[in-house]
Amino acid sequence: MSTAISAKVLERFPAGAPRGSWPAEEYAARRRAEGEPATVVMDLEADAFLVVVPSDDED
C-alpha cells in the first residue's frame, strides 16, 4: 500500500555527500528554525535527498 502526500520541494541534494556530511538535514534544520515544517525525504529514482514542506494545494 502506498500513500501520496502533496509536498513542495524546497531543495535537492545528491545522495553521494562525503561521509559525515548531511547537507539536506542541515538545510532542513535551518528552514525549521525559520518556522517552516521542512522534512528530508529520499528520492530513490533520482538518488537524491529532497527537502520538502507540505503543499497548500487543495485538490
PDB file of N, CA and C in Angstrom:
ATOM      1  N   MET A   1       0.843  -1.168   0.000  1.00  0.00           N
ATOM      2  CA  MET A   1       0.000   0.000   0.000  1.00  0.00           C
ATOM      3  C   MET A   1       0.895   1.239   0.000  1.00  0.00           C
ATOM      4  N   SER A   2       0.554   2.231  -0.806  1.00  0.00           N
ATOM      5  CA  SER A   2       1.329   3.473  -0.810  1.00  0.00           C
ATOM      6  C   SER A   2       0.386   4.646  -0.634  1.00  0.00           C
ATOM      7  N   THR A   3       0.891   5.675   0.009  1.00  0.00           N
ATOM      8  CA  THR A   3       0.107   6.872   0.266  1.00  0.00           C
ATOM      9  C   THR A   3       0.791   8.047  -0.389  1.00  0.00           C
ATOM     10  N   ALA A   4       0.059   8.816  -1.167  1.00  0.00           N
ATOM     11  CA  ALA A   4       0.618  10.002  -1.810  1.00  0.00           C
ATOM     12  C   ALA A   4       0.351  11.214  -0.931  1.00  0.00           C
ATOM     13  N   ILE A   5       1.400  11.963  -0.688  1.00  0.00           N
ATOM     14  CA  ILE A   5       1.291  13.177   0.107  1.00  0.00           C
ATOM     15  C   ILE A   5       1.765  14.326  -0.757  1.00  0.00           C
ATOM     16  N   SER A   6       0.997  15.381  -0.801  1.00  0.00           N
ATOM     17  CA  SER A   6       1.350  16.546  -1.597  1.00  0.00           C
ATOM     18  C   SER A   6       2.374  17.388  -0.850  1.00  0.00           C
ATOM     19  N   ALA A   7       3.516  17.633  -1.501  1.00  0.00           N
ATOM     20  CA  ALA A   7       4.569  18.414  -0.869  1.00  0.00           C
ATOM     21  C   ALA A   7       5.275  19.277  -1.900  1.00  0.00           C
ATOM     22  N   LYS A   8       5.830  20.380  -1.436  1.00  0.00           N
ATOM     23  CA  LYS A   8       6.613  21.279  -2.279  1.00  0.00           C
ATOM     24  C   LYS A   8       8.094  21.017  -1.990  1.00  0.00           C
ATOM     25  N   VAL A   9       8.893  20.819  -3.047  1.00  0.00           N
ATOM     26  CA  VAL A   9      10.322  20.586  -2.891  1.00  0.00           C
ATOM     27  C   VAL A   9      11.029  21.934  -2.789  1.00  0.00           C
ATOM     28  N   LEU A  10      11.736  22.134  -1.685  1.00  0.00           N
ATOM     29  CA  LEU A  10      12.492  23.371  -1.492  1.00  0.00           C
ATOM     30  C   LEU A  10      13.889  23.268  -2.095  1.00  0.00           C
ATOM     31  N   GLU A  11      14.516  22.090  -1.959  1.00  0.00           N
ATOM     32  CA  GLU A  11      15.897  21.917  -2.403  1.00  0.00           C
ATOM     33  C   GLU A  11      16.189  20.438  -2.618  1.00  0.00           C
ATOM     34  N   ARG A  12      17.138  20.147  -3.511  1.00  0.00           N
ATOM     35  CA  ARG A  12      17.580  18.777  -3.797  1.00  0.00           C
ATOM     36  C   ARG A  12      19.069  18.672  -3.501  1.00  0.00           C
ATOM     37  N   PHE A  13      19.469  17.537  -2.933  1.00  0.00           N
ATOM     38  CA  PHE A  13      20.873  17.287  -2.622  1.00  0.00           C
ATOM     39  C   PHE A  13      21.241  15.894  -3.106  1.00  0.00           C
ATOM     40  N   PRO A  14      22.371  15.735  -3.799  1.00  0.00           N
ATOM     41  CA  PRO A  14      22.784  14.400  -4.239  1.00  0.00           C
ATOM     42  C   PRO A  14      23.028  13.492  -3.038  1.00  0.00           C
ATOM     43  N   ALA A  15      22.726  12.222  -3.191  1.00  0.00           N
ATOM     44  CA  ALA A  15      22.878  11.272  -2.089  1.00  0.00           C
ATOM     45  C   ALA A  15      24.346  10.950  -1.812  1.00  0.00           C
ATOM     46  N   GLY A  16      25.248  11.289  -2.693  1.00  0.00           N
ATOM     47  CA  GLY A  16      26.657  10.933  -2.539  1.00  0.00           C
ATOM     48  C   GLY A  16      27.480  11.955  -1.783  1.00  0.00           C
ATOM     49  N   ALA A  17      26.941  12.575  -0.757  1.00  0.00           N
ATOM     50  CA  ALA A  17      27.713  13.546   0.025  1.00  0.00           C
ATOM     51  C   ALA A  17      28.850  12.826   0.755  1.00  0.00           C
ATOM     52  N   PRO A  18      29.934  13.547   1.036  1.00  0.00           N
ATOM     53  CA  PRO A  18      31.050  12.917   1.763  1.00  0.00           C
ATOM     54  C   PRO A  18      30.614  12.384   3.124  1.00  0.00           C
ATOM     55  N   ARG A  19      31.297  11.355   3.585  1.00  0.00           N
ATOM     56  CA  ARG A  19      30.978  10.753   4.885  1.00  0.00           C
ATOM     57  C   ARG A  19      31.000  11.818   5.979  1.00  0.00           C
ATOM     58  N   GLY A  20      29.969  11.818   6.817  1.00  0.00           N
ATOM     59  CA  GLY A  20      29.868  12.782   7.908  1.00  0.00           C
ATOM     60  C   GLY A  20      29.232  14.100   7.495  1.00  0.00           C
ATOM     61  N   SER A  21      28.889  14.244   6.224  1.00  0.00           N
ATOM     62  CA  SER A  21      28.260  15.461   5.721  1.00  0.00           C
ATOM     63  C   SER A  21      26.773  15.190   5.513  1.00  0.00           C
ATOM     64  N   TRP A  22      25.928  16.046   6.042  1.00  0.00           N
ATOM     65  CA  TRP A  22      24.484  15.885   5.948  1.00  0.00           C
ATOM     66  C   TRP A  22      23.854  17.177   5.442  1.00  0.00           C
ATOM     67  N   PRO A  23      24.150  17.614   4.219  1.00  0.00           N
ATOM     68  CA  PRO A  23      23.667  18.919   3.743  1.00  0.00           C
ATOM     69  C   PRO A  23      22.145  19.048   3.711  1.00  0.00           C
ATOM     70  N   ALA A  24      21.433  18.000   3.371  1.00  0.00           N
ATOM     71  CA  ALA A  24      19.967  18.085   3.331  1.00  0.00           C
ATOM     72  C   ALA A  24      19.409  18.277   4.735  1.00  0.00           C
ATOM     73  N   GLU A  25      19.933  17.531   5.700  1.00  0.00           N
ATOM     74  CA  GLU A  25      19.472  17.660   7.083  1.00  0.00           C
ATOM     75  C   GLU A  25      19.797  19.041   7.637  1.00  0.00           C
ATOM     76  N   GLU A  26      20.979  19.569   7.304  1.00  0.00           N
ATOM     77  CA  GLU A  26      21.370  20.895   7.777  1.00  0.00           C
ATOM     78  C   GLU A  26      20.479  21.980   7.170  1.00  0.00           C
ATOM     79  N   TYR A  27      20.173  21.847   5.883  1.00  0.00           N
ATOM     80  CA  TYR A  27      19.291  22.805   5.211  1.00  0.00           C
ATOM     81  C   TYR A  27      17.895  22.762   5.834  1.00  0.00           C
ATOM     82  N   ALA A  28      17.374  21.540   6.049  1.00  0.00           N
ATOM     83  CA  ALA A  28      16.045  21.393   6.646  1.00  0.00           C
ATOM     84  C   ALA A  28      16.016  21.985   8.059  1.00  0.00           C
ATOM     85  N   ALA A  29      17.086  21.802   8.828  1.00  0.00           N
ATOM     86  CA  ALA A  29      17.140  22.345  10.180  1.00  0.00           C
ATOM     87  C   ALA A  29      17.088  23.875  10.151  1.00  0.00           C
ATOM     88  N   ARG A  30      17.776  24.484   9.187  1.00  0.00           N
ATOM     89  CA  ARG A  30      17.716  25.947   9.063  1.00  0.00           C
ATOM     90  C   ARG A  30      16.311  26.404   8.718  1.00  0.00           C
ATOM     91  N   ARG A  31      15.617  25.682   7.823  1.00  0.00           N
ATOM     92  CA  ARG A  31      14.242  26.043   7.464  1.00  0.00           C
ATOM     93  C   ARG A  31      13.320  25.891   8.672  1.00  0.00           C
ATOM     94  N   ARG A  32      13.501  24.816   9.454  1.00  0.00           N
ATOM     95  CA  ARG A  32      12.667  24.620  10.648  1.00  0.00           C
ATOM     96  C   ARG A  32      12.916  25.734  11.654  1.00  0.00           C
ATOM     97  N   ALA A  33      14.160  26.185  11.784  1.00  0.00           N
ATOM     98  CA  ALA A  33      14.476  27.287  12.699  1.00  0.00           C
ATOM     99  C   ALA A  33      13.773  28.574  12.273  1.00  0.00           C
ATOM    100  N   GLU A  34      13.466  28.685  10.975  1.00  0.00           N
ATOM    101  CA  GLU A  34      12.750  29.854  10.444  1.00  0.00           C
ATOM    102  C   GLU A  34      11.233  29.658  10.476  1.00  0.00           C
ATOM    103  N   GLY A  35      10.783  28.519  11.005  1.00  0.00           N
ATOM    104  CA  GLY A  35       9.351  28.288  11.153  1.00  0.00           C
ATOM    105  C   GLY A  35       8.700  27.457  10.068  1.00  0.00           C
ATOM    106  N   GLU A  36       9.461  26.946   9.110  1.00  0.00           N
ATOM    107  CA  GLU A  36       8.882  26.095   8.064  1.00  0.00           C
ATOM    108  C   GLU A  36       8.953  24.633   8.511  1.00  0.00           C
ATOM    109  N   PRO A  37       7.910  23.850   8.277  1.00  0.00           N
ATOM    110  CA  PRO A  37       7.910  22.445   8.685  1.00  0.00           C
ATOM    111  C   PRO A  37       8.654  21.565   7.676  1.00  0.00           C
ATOM    112  N   ALA A  38       9.940  21.814   7.489  1.00  0.00           N
ATOM    113  CA  ALA A  38      10.733  21.105   6.477  1.00  0.00           C
ATOM    114  C   ALA A  38      11.088  19.690   6.926  1.00  0.00           C
ATOM    115  N   THR A  39      11.046  18.773   5.970  1.00  0.00           N
ATOM    116  CA  THR A  39      11.367  17.370   6.196  1.00  0.00           C
ATOM    117  C   THR A  39      12.274  16.896   5.069  1.00  0.00           C
ATOM    118  N   VAL A  40      13.148  15.944   5.373  1.00  0.00           N
ATOM    119  CA  VAL A  40      14.013  15.359   4.355  1.00  0.00           C
ATOM    120  C   VAL A  40      13.436  14.007   3.948  1.00  0.00           C
ATOM    121  N   VAL A  41      13.312  13.795   2.644  1.00  0.00           N
ATOM    122  CA  VAL A  41      12.863  12.509   2.103  1.00  0.00           C
ATOM    123  C   VAL A  41      13.855  12.062   1.035  1.00  0.00           C
ATOM    124  N   MET A  42      13.864  10.769   0.746  1.00  0.00           N
ATOM    125  CA  MET A  42      14.764  10.219  -0.261  1.00  0.00           C
ATOM    126  C   MET A  42      14.011   9.970  -1.552  1.00  0.00           C
ATOM    127  N   ASP A  43      14.557  10.467  -2.665  1.00  0.00           N
ATOM    128  CA  ASP A  43      14.035  10.151  -3.995  1.00  0.00           C
ATOM    129  C   ASP A  43      14.923   9.038  -4.530  1.00  0.00           C
ATOM    130  N   LEU A  44      14.448   7.807  -4.433  1.00  0.00           N
ATOM    131  CA  LEU A  44      15.258   6.656  -4.827  1.00  0.00           C
ATOM    132  C   LEU A  44      15.594   6.653  -6.313  1.00  0.00           C
ATOM    133  N   GLU A  45      14.648   7.040  -7.148  1.00  0.00           N
ATOM    134  CA  GLU A  45      14.884   7.043  -8.589  1.00  0.00           C
ATOM    135  C   GLU A  45      15.966   8.033  -8.989  1.00  0.00           C
ATOM    136  N   ALA A  46      16.007   9.190  -8.339  1.00  0.00           N
ATOM    137  CA  ALA A  46      16.989  10.224  -8.666  1.00  0.00           C
ATOM    138  C   ALA A  46      18.248  10.115  -7.797  1.00  0.00           C
ATOM    139  N   ASP A  47      18.258   9.207  -6.814  1.00  0.00           N
ATOM    140  CA  ASP A  47      19.362   9.052  -5.878  1.00  0.00           C
ATOM    141  C   ASP A  47      19.716  10.395  -5.252  1.00  0.00           C
ATOM    142  N   ALA A  48      18.683  11.036  -4.688  1.00  0.00           N
ATOM    143  CA  ALA A  48      18.860  12.360  -4.096  1.00  0.00           C
ATOM    144  C   ALA A  48      17.978  12.502  -2.868  1.00  0.00           C
ATOM    145  N   PHE A  49      18.417  13.382  -1.969  1.00  0.00           N
ATOM    146  CA  PHE A  49      17.605  13.750  -0.821  1.00  0.00           C
ATOM    147  C   PHE A  49      16.866  15.033  -1.168  1.00  0.00           C
ATOM    148  N   LEU A  50      15.580  15.079  -0.829  1.00  0.00           N
ATOM    149  CA  LEU A  50      14.755  16.252  -1.091  1.00  0.00           C
ATOM    150  C   LEU A  50      14.332  16.867   0.235  1.00  0.00           C
ATOM    151  N   VAL A  51      14.406  18.185   0.317  1.00  0.00           N
ATOM    152  CA  VAL A  51      13.870  18.898   1.476  1.00  0.00           C
ATOM    153  C   VAL A  51      12.505  19.404   1.040  1.00  0.00           C
ATOM    154  N   VAL A  52      11.465  18.960   1.741  1.00  0.00           N
ATOM    155  CA  VAL A  52      10.097  19.272   1.352  1.00  0.00           C
ATOM    156  C   VAL A  52       9.320  19.913   2.494  1.00  0.00           C
ATOM    157  N   VAL A  53       8.275  20.647   2.115  1.00  0.00           N
ATOM    158  CA  VAL A  53       7.300  21.175   3.062  1.00  0.00           C
ATOM    159  C   VAL A  53       5.922  20.782   2.549  1.00  0.00           C
ATOM    160  N   PRO A  54       4.940  20.647   3.438  1.00  0.00           N
ATOM    161  CA  PRO A  54       3.578  20.318   2.980  1.00  0.00           C
ATOM    162  C   PRO A  54       3.098  21.354   1.960  1.00  0.00           C
ATOM    163  N   SER A  55       2.422  20.861   0.936  1.00  0.00           N
ATOM    164  CA  SER A  55       1.879  21.738  -0.107  1.00  0.00           C
ATOM    165  C   SER A  55       0.543  22.302   0.336  1.00  0.00           C
ATOM    166  N   ASP A  56       0.255  23.527  -0.097  1.00  0.00           N
ATOM    167  CA  ASP A  56      -1.014  24.165   0.212  1.00  0.00           C
ATOM    168  C   ASP A  56      -2.087  23.838  -0.818  1.00  0.00           C
ATOM    169  N   ASP A  57      -1.746  23.004  -1.820  1.00  0.00           N
ATOM    170  CA  ASP A  57      -2.696  22.651  -2.879  1.00  0.00           C
ATOM    171  C   ASP A  57      -3.899  21.932  -2.307  1.00  0.00           C
ATOM    172  N   GLU A  58      -5.065  22.406  -2.637  1.00  0.00           N
ATOM    173  CA  GLU A  58      -6.324  21.770  -2.250  1.00  0.00           C
ATOM    174  C   GLU A  58      -6.926  21.151  -3.496  1.00  0.00           C
ATOM    175  N   ASP A  59      -6.844  19.815  -3.624  1.00  0.00           N
ATOM    176  CA  ASP A  59      -7.411  19.128  -4.803  1.00  0.00           C
ATOM    177  C   ASP A  59      -8.835  18.734  -4.567  1.00  0.00           C
TER     178      ASP A  59
END
